[in-house]
Protein backbone atom coordinates (compact mmCIF):
# COMPACT_ATOMS: atom_id res chain seq x y z
CA MET A 1 -253.09 170.44 -92.34
CA ILE A 2 -251.58 169.06 -89.21
CA GLY A 3 -253.88 166.31 -88.91
CA SER A 4 -253.60 165.32 -92.14
CA ARG A 5 -249.55 165.13 -92.18
CA ARG A 6 -250.06 162.96 -89.06
CA ARG A 7 -252.21 160.52 -90.50
CA SER A 8 -250.22 159.89 -93.67
CA GLN A 9 -246.65 159.70 -90.92
CA SER A 10 -248.50 156.97 -88.62
CA THR A 11 -250.03 154.95 -92.00
CA THR A 12 -247.79 151.82 -91.70
CA ASN A 13 -245.58 150.32 -95.36
CA VAL A 14 -245.89 146.60 -95.90
CA TRP A 15 -244.62 146.30 -99.05
CA PRO A 16 -241.30 145.04 -97.97
CA GLY A 17 -242.98 142.46 -95.76
CA TYR A 18 -244.56 140.99 -99.00
CA VAL A 19 -241.10 141.34 -101.31
CA ASP A 20 -239.40 139.11 -98.46
CA ALA A 21 -242.15 136.39 -98.19
CA LEU A 22 -241.92 136.05 -102.19
CA SER A 23 -238.31 136.05 -101.86
CA ALA A 24 -238.25 133.19 -99.82
CA LEU A 25 -241.22 131.12 -101.57
CA LEU A 26 -239.00 131.53 -104.77
CA MET A 27 -235.91 130.50 -102.86
CA LEU A 28 -237.64 127.02 -101.54
CA VAL A 29 -239.10 126.39 -105.20
CA ILE A 30 -236.05 126.50 -106.42
CA PHE A 31 -234.61 124.39 -103.79
CA MET A 32 -237.38 121.56 -104.75
CA LEU A 33 -236.52 121.75 -108.13
CA LEU A 34 -232.91 121.23 -107.89
CA VAL A 35 -233.88 118.04 -105.34
CA TYR A 36 -236.39 116.89 -108.13
CA VAL A 37 -233.37 117.13 -110.95
CA VAL A 38 -231.15 115.45 -108.67
CA CYS A 39 -233.65 112.71 -107.47
CA GLN A 40 -234.37 112.03 -111.31
CA LEU A 41 -230.47 112.03 -112.40
CA TYR A 42 -230.04 109.21 -109.15
CA LEU A 43 -233.17 107.34 -110.51
CA SER A 44 -232.09 107.24 -114.05
CA GLN A 45 -228.79 105.99 -113.30
CA THR A 46 -230.07 103.31 -110.70
CA LEU A 47 -232.69 102.35 -113.90
CA SER A 48 -229.31 102.14 -116.13
CA ASP A 49 -227.67 100.05 -113.46
CA ARG A 50 -230.45 97.31 -113.56
CA ASP A 51 -231.06 97.34 -117.15
CA ASN A 52 -227.46 96.20 -117.83
CA GLN A 53 -227.94 93.74 -114.80
CA LEU A 54 -230.77 92.35 -116.45
CA ALA A 55 -229.05 92.54 -119.70
CA ARG A 56 -226.10 89.95 -118.28
CA LEU A 57 -228.86 88.03 -116.54
CA SER A 58 -230.71 87.34 -119.75
CA ALA A 59 -227.46 86.40 -121.06
CA GLN A 60 -226.31 84.07 -118.84
CA LEU A 61 -229.66 82.07 -118.94
CA ASN A 62 -229.07 82.01 -122.47
CA GLU A 63 -226.43 80.03 -121.80
CA LEU A 64 -228.25 77.85 -119.27
CA PRO A 65 -229.96 75.44 -121.84
CA GLU A 66 -226.69 74.48 -123.78
CA LEU A 67 -224.71 74.17 -120.28
CA LEU A 68 -227.39 71.71 -118.91
CA GLY A 69 -227.69 69.92 -122.59
CA LEU A 70 -223.93 69.34 -122.36
CA GLU A 71 -224.34 68.21 -118.60
CA GLN A 72 -227.25 65.65 -119.64
CA SER A 73 -224.96 64.34 -122.19
CA LYS A 74 -222.15 63.92 -119.54
CA THR A 75 -225.17 61.74 -117.28
CA GLU A 76 -226.58 59.76 -120.11
CA ALA A 77 -222.85 58.42 -120.75
CA LEU A 78 -221.96 58.12 -117.02
CA GLU A 79 -225.39 56.28 -116.69
CA ASN A 80 -224.62 53.69 -119.46
CA GLN A 81 -221.35 53.12 -118.02
CA ILE A 82 -222.12 52.58 -114.27
CA VAL A 83 -225.03 49.78 -116.50
CA ARG A 84 -221.97 48.02 -118.11
CA LEU A 85 -219.99 48.14 -114.91
CA GLN A 86 -222.75 46.85 -112.82
CA ASP A 87 -224.01 43.94 -115.49
CA ASP A 88 -219.86 43.12 -115.78
CA TYR A 89 -219.81 42.97 -111.64
CA SER A 90 -222.82 40.89 -111.79
CA THR A 91 -221.61 38.33 -113.97
CA SER A 92 -217.77 37.92 -112.38
CA LEU A 93 -219.91 37.69 -108.92
CA LYS A 94 -221.55 34.82 -110.27
CA ARG A 95 -218.50 33.34 -112.00
CA ASN A 96 -216.84 33.62 -108.98
CA ASP A 97 -219.48 31.68 -106.93
CA GLN A 98 -219.19 29.02 -109.37
CA LEU A 99 -215.23 28.68 -108.88
CA ILE A 100 -215.70 28.86 -105.56
CA GLU A 101 -218.04 26.05 -105.48
CA GLN A 102 -215.91 24.17 -108.23
CA LEU A 103 -213.02 24.57 -106.03
CA GLU A 104 -214.39 22.95 -102.75
CA SER A 105 -216.31 20.42 -104.54
CA ASN A 106 -212.50 19.44 -105.85
CA ARG A 107 -211.17 19.56 -102.51
CA GLU A 108 -213.80 17.53 -100.97
CA GLN A 109 -213.30 14.80 -103.38
CA LEU A 110 -209.77 15.05 -103.23
CA MET A 111 -209.84 14.84 -99.49
CA ARG A 112 -212.13 11.45 -99.96
CA GLN A 113 -209.61 9.97 -102.27
CA THR A 114 -206.72 10.39 -100.03
CA ALA A 115 -208.86 8.84 -97.55
CA SER A 116 -209.02 6.15 -99.56
CA VAL A 117 -205.23 5.71 -100.39
CA GLU A 118 -204.55 5.75 -97.02
CA ALA A 119 -206.98 3.38 -96.20
CA GLN A 120 -205.48 1.36 -99.10
CA ALA A 121 -201.70 1.55 -97.89
CA GLU A 122 -202.58 0.61 -94.26
CA GLN A 123 -204.02 -2.42 -95.54
CA LEU A 124 -201.16 -3.17 -98.02
CA ALA A 125 -199.07 -2.43 -94.83
CA ARG A 126 -200.51 -4.56 -92.90
CA MET A 127 -200.35 -7.53 -95.39
CA GLU A 128 -196.47 -6.84 -96.35
CA GLU A 129 -196.31 -7.23 -91.97
CA ALA A 130 -197.95 -10.35 -92.06
CA VAL A 131 -196.38 -11.49 -95.51
CA GLY A 132 -192.73 -10.53 -93.15
CA GLU A 133 -193.64 -12.82 -90.84
CA LYS A 134 -194.07 -15.84 -93.32
CA ASP A 135 -190.91 -17.26 -94.92
CA GLN A 136 -193.32 -18.18 -98.52
CA ILE A 137 -195.62 -16.00 -99.95
CA SER A 138 -198.45 -17.44 -102.30
CA ALA A 139 -198.91 -16.65 -106.47
CA SER A 140 -202.24 -15.36 -104.96
CA GLN A 141 -200.62 -12.85 -102.63
CA GLN A 142 -198.11 -11.69 -104.96
CA ALA A 143 -200.80 -10.89 -107.66
CA MET A 144 -202.94 -8.85 -104.65
CA ILE A 145 -199.58 -7.11 -103.67
CA LEU A 146 -199.02 -5.97 -107.35
CA GLN A 147 -202.54 -5.15 -107.79
CA LEU A 148 -202.69 -3.09 -104.66
CA SER A 149 -199.19 -1.32 -105.82
CA ASN A 150 -200.58 -0.29 -109.09
CA GLN A 151 -203.63 0.78 -107.59
CA ILE A 152 -201.42 3.18 -105.49
CA VAL A 153 -199.32 4.60 -108.64
CA SER A 154 -202.77 5.40 -110.49
CA LEU A 155 -203.97 6.74 -107.01
CA ARG A 156 -201.09 8.94 -106.68
CA GLU A 157 -201.13 10.07 -110.27
CA GLN A 158 -204.51 11.29 -109.97
CA LEU A 159 -203.63 13.18 -106.50
CA ARG A 160 -201.10 14.81 -108.99
CA GLN A 161 -203.27 15.99 -111.46
CA ILE A 162 -205.89 17.09 -108.78
CA ALA A 163 -203.76 18.94 -107.03
CA SER A 164 -202.25 20.47 -110.43
CA ALA A 165 -206.18 21.44 -111.27
CA LEU A 166 -206.90 22.97 -107.64
CA GLU A 167 -203.69 25.44 -108.52
CA LEU A 168 -204.56 26.25 -111.78
CA GLN A 169 -208.40 26.95 -110.52
CA GLN A 170 -206.75 28.93 -107.40
CA GLN A 171 -204.72 31.03 -110.31
CA MET A 172 -207.95 31.43 -112.07
CA THR A 173 -209.75 32.50 -108.66
CA ASP A 174 -207.07 35.01 -107.96
CA GLU A 175 -207.26 36.76 -111.80
CA LYS A 176 -210.88 36.86 -111.18
CA GLU A 177 -210.86 38.70 -107.43
CA GLN A 178 -208.34 41.05 -108.87
CA GLU A 179 -210.94 41.68 -111.81
CA LEU A 180 -213.58 41.93 -109.03
CA GLU A 181 -211.14 44.57 -107.15
CA GLN A 182 -210.81 46.82 -110.48
CA VAL A 183 -214.44 46.67 -111.01
CA SER A 184 -215.43 47.78 -107.45
CA ARG A 185 -212.70 50.47 -107.57
CA ARG A 186 -214.19 51.63 -110.68
CA LEU A 187 -217.77 51.92 -109.05
CA ASN A 188 -216.28 53.51 -105.89
CA THR A 189 -215.53 56.06 -108.59
CA LEU A 190 -218.03 56.63 -109.90
CA LEU A 191 -220.39 56.30 -106.79
CA ALA A 192 -217.48 59.21 -105.36
CA GLU A 193 -218.29 61.20 -108.96
CA ARG A 194 -222.03 60.87 -107.97
CA VAL A 195 -221.75 62.16 -104.52
CA ASN A 196 -219.86 64.99 -105.63
CA GLN A 197 -222.09 66.07 -107.23
CA LEU A 198 -224.69 66.21 -105.36
CA GLN A 199 -222.35 68.00 -102.75
CA GLN A 200 -222.30 70.94 -106.04
CA TYR A 201 -226.06 71.07 -105.84
CA GLN A 202 -225.94 71.00 -101.94
CA SER A 203 -223.63 73.91 -102.21
CA GLU A 204 -225.83 75.76 -104.61
CA PHE A 205 -229.01 75.39 -102.91
CA PHE A 206 -226.87 76.28 -99.58
CA ALA A 207 -225.83 79.63 -100.91
CA ARG A 208 -229.16 80.33 -102.96
CA LEU A 209 -231.45 79.64 -99.69
CA ARG A 210 -229.13 81.77 -97.47
CA ASP A 211 -229.16 84.49 -100.16
CA ILE A 212 -233.07 84.19 -100.25
CA LEU A 213 -233.58 84.13 -96.38
CA ALA A 214 -230.45 86.79 -95.70
CA GLY A 215 -232.90 89.03 -95.24
CA ASN A 216 -234.73 87.38 -92.19
CA GLU A 217 -232.82 87.90 -89.27
CA ASN A 218 -234.58 85.03 -87.65
CA VAL A 219 -233.02 82.33 -89.64
CA ARG A 220 -230.29 81.18 -88.46
CA ILE A 221 -227.16 78.50 -89.99
CA VAL A 222 -225.70 75.50 -88.24
CA GLY A 223 -223.52 73.86 -90.32
CA ASP A 224 -225.32 72.41 -93.14
CA ARG A 225 -228.90 73.22 -92.04
CA PHE A 226 -231.39 76.10 -91.95
CA LEU A 227 -232.71 76.58 -89.05
CA LEU A 228 -236.11 78.42 -89.14
CA PRO A 229 -238.22 79.38 -86.09
CA SER A 230 -241.46 78.20 -85.56
CA GLU A 231 -243.06 81.19 -84.34
CA LEU A 232 -242.21 82.18 -88.43
CA LEU A 233 -244.55 79.45 -89.76
CA PHE A 234 -246.73 78.78 -86.94
CA ALA A 235 -249.14 79.76 -84.32
CA SER A 236 -248.30 78.72 -80.45
CA ALA A 237 -249.12 75.21 -79.93
CA SER A 238 -250.55 75.00 -83.69
CA ALA A 239 -249.38 73.02 -86.92
CA GLU A 240 -251.48 75.46 -89.18
CA LEU A 241 -249.17 77.10 -91.46
CA GLY A 242 -249.41 80.96 -91.18
CA GLU A 243 -249.27 83.47 -93.98
CA GLU A 244 -246.04 84.80 -93.57
CA GLY A 245 -244.93 81.27 -93.46
CA ARG A 246 -246.36 80.39 -96.50
CA GLN A 247 -244.78 82.82 -98.14
CA GLU A 248 -241.32 82.16 -97.07
CA LEU A 249 -242.27 78.28 -98.40
CA ASP A 250 -243.07 79.70 -101.67
CA LYS A 251 -239.52 81.01 -102.20
CA LEU A 252 -237.78 77.65 -100.82
CA ALA A 253 -239.91 75.91 -103.05
CA ASP A 254 -239.04 77.76 -106.11
CA LEU A 255 -235.41 77.44 -105.30
CA LEU A 256 -235.72 73.57 -104.56
CA LEU A 257 -237.24 73.24 -108.10
CA ASP A 258 -235.08 74.95 -110.03
CA VAL A 259 -232.11 73.53 -108.48
CA SER A 260 -233.37 69.55 -109.03
CA SER A 261 -234.69 70.23 -112.43
CA ARG A 262 -230.65 69.97 -112.78
CA ILE A 263 -229.69 67.42 -110.17
CA PRO A 264 -229.63 63.73 -112.22
CA ASP A 265 -232.25 61.22 -111.70
CA ASP A 266 -229.87 58.82 -110.28
CA VAL A 267 -228.64 60.78 -107.58
CA ASP A 268 -230.46 60.21 -104.66
CA TRP A 269 -231.32 63.16 -103.05
CA ILE A 270 -233.56 64.25 -100.23
CA LEU A 271 -234.90 67.19 -98.37
CA ARG A 272 -235.14 66.61 -94.71
CA ILE A 273 -237.52 68.51 -92.74
CA ASP A 274 -237.37 67.78 -89.00
CA GLY A 275 -239.43 69.60 -86.44
CA HIS A 276 -238.38 70.71 -82.91
CA THR A 277 -240.13 72.09 -79.79
CA ASP A 278 -238.83 73.51 -76.52
CA MET A 279 -238.73 71.51 -73.39
CA LEU A 280 -242.12 72.75 -72.13
CA PRO A 281 -244.68 69.66 -72.23
CA ILE A 282 -247.73 70.38 -74.05
CA ASN A 283 -250.97 68.04 -73.49
CA THR A 284 -253.82 68.79 -75.65
CA GLN A 285 -256.35 66.09 -77.60
CA ARG A 286 -254.75 66.76 -80.89
CA PHE A 287 -251.16 66.85 -79.29
CA PRO A 288 -250.82 64.66 -76.07
CA SER A 289 -246.91 65.58 -76.47
CA ASN A 290 -244.39 67.41 -78.30
CA TRP A 291 -243.79 64.79 -80.19
CA GLU A 292 -247.05 64.82 -81.90
CA LEU A 293 -246.55 68.53 -82.34
CA SER A 294 -242.88 68.61 -83.79
CA THR A 295 -243.92 65.91 -86.25
CA ALA A 296 -247.11 67.62 -87.60
CA ARG A 297 -245.63 70.59 -87.83
CA ALA A 298 -242.88 68.84 -90.33
CA VAL A 299 -245.52 67.12 -92.02
CA ALA A 300 -247.42 70.18 -92.73
CA VAL A 301 -244.13 71.96 -94.28
CA VAL A 302 -243.76 68.86 -96.23
CA ARG A 303 -247.54 68.73 -97.44
CA TYR A 304 -247.54 72.66 -98.40
CA LEU A 305 -244.47 72.09 -100.59
CA ALA A 306 -245.98 69.17 -102.09
CA THR A 307 -248.82 71.85 -103.35
CA GLU A 308 -246.17 73.78 -104.35
CA GLY A 309 -244.55 71.15 -107.06
CA VAL A 310 -241.92 69.69 -104.76
CA PRO A 311 -241.81 65.67 -105.33
CA GLU A 312 -243.37 63.72 -102.16
CA ARG A 313 -240.52 61.04 -103.01
CA ARG A 314 -237.80 63.59 -102.41
CA MET A 315 -239.01 64.68 -99.40
CA ALA A 316 -238.96 63.48 -95.60
CA ALA A 317 -240.46 64.81 -92.46
CA ALA A 318 -239.38 63.92 -88.70
CA GLY A 319 -240.57 65.16 -85.38
CA PHE A 320 -237.95 65.01 -82.75
CA GLY A 321 -240.05 67.00 -79.91
CA GLU A 322 -237.77 68.44 -77.25
CA PHE A 323 -234.73 65.98 -77.13
CA PHE A 324 -232.34 67.71 -79.65
CA PRO A 325 -232.04 71.15 -78.15
CA VAL A 326 -229.40 73.60 -80.14
CA ALA A 327 -229.81 76.06 -76.78
CA ASP A 328 -229.11 75.73 -73.13
CA GLY A 329 -231.29 77.10 -70.38
CA THR A 330 -235.05 77.91 -69.96
CA SER A 331 -234.90 81.45 -70.75
CA PRO A 332 -237.27 83.14 -73.14
CA GLU A 333 -234.56 83.34 -75.74
CA ALA A 334 -233.63 79.47 -75.16
CA LEU A 335 -236.65 78.08 -75.66
CA GLN A 336 -237.19 80.55 -78.86
CA ARG A 337 -234.14 79.19 -79.77
CA ASN A 338 -235.49 75.47 -79.29
CA ARG A 339 -238.79 75.51 -81.08
CA ARG A 340 -237.78 75.88 -84.82
CA ILE A 341 -237.61 73.81 -88.12
CA GLU A 342 -234.71 72.30 -89.72
CA LEU A 343 -233.72 72.13 -93.50
CA LYS A 344 -231.24 70.30 -94.92
CA LEU A 345 -230.45 68.89 -98.40
CA THR A 346 -228.92 65.15 -98.49
CA ASP A 347 -228.25 61.70 -99.66
CA ARG A 348 -231.03 59.08 -98.86
């Protein structure tokens, strides 16, 4: 009896431990369910906001064809007006040249006739002087004097008519010059409008490209140019595009095609791609100097964009070697900043 009672008292009761473990497990499950419900609510709200944004973007895209149609109509009207103005300007220039030639011809003729009159007047003066020395004048001499006097009167009348014609010609020339000045002002106004249009597309291209490349901290903006580090596009001492560089250029090509499709054909724009290297010299069989390396990299970017559909006549590639740095010194940071590809949308 005593041994049995001791065995029962020494037996450990484990049920409270089980109950505590089950309680903790239950609380963990409840907490996970709460986290799941909160995540679901946040995800639903996010998807709802995204659907609203997509709906607004779809509405804006539906409005774009109408706006594009209006812009094309305005562009066609401006193009026709420019063609007419250019024709008028060319005609006015031709007419002005003809008037100037005629004026010069009349001036030369007047000078010749004036010289002739002066010569005849001098001959008459000598004759009168000779006649004054004689007491009597023969009939033939009197007839010659009368004839010369009549010729002088006739020449003076011709001179008066020529002077009147020259005055009228000068007046017509002044009027034509005023017309040409007006045509020039109108052409300058239209050209300024075209420049403003290009600046608007430049601003749009600049802003959208900045948004696309905003996630890349290595991309820098200097004025109206985008500076892409060479390491983003090429391996060291190479002009072969890497995979990461191709992805970035794909974004650029899509944006450029979207913007260029709305630029009128008579706006003469290009995308400049400039290659730059650091000051460390290179001398390989393919790249004897930094000139060749920077130029080859710029050409590689142009060729890749051309394969993506960007018109070749709208791009220009140039290599500047190490001669236009954006950072001074020979530190690794300065050398890295100078190794770059610059992009700029501008006029030709």
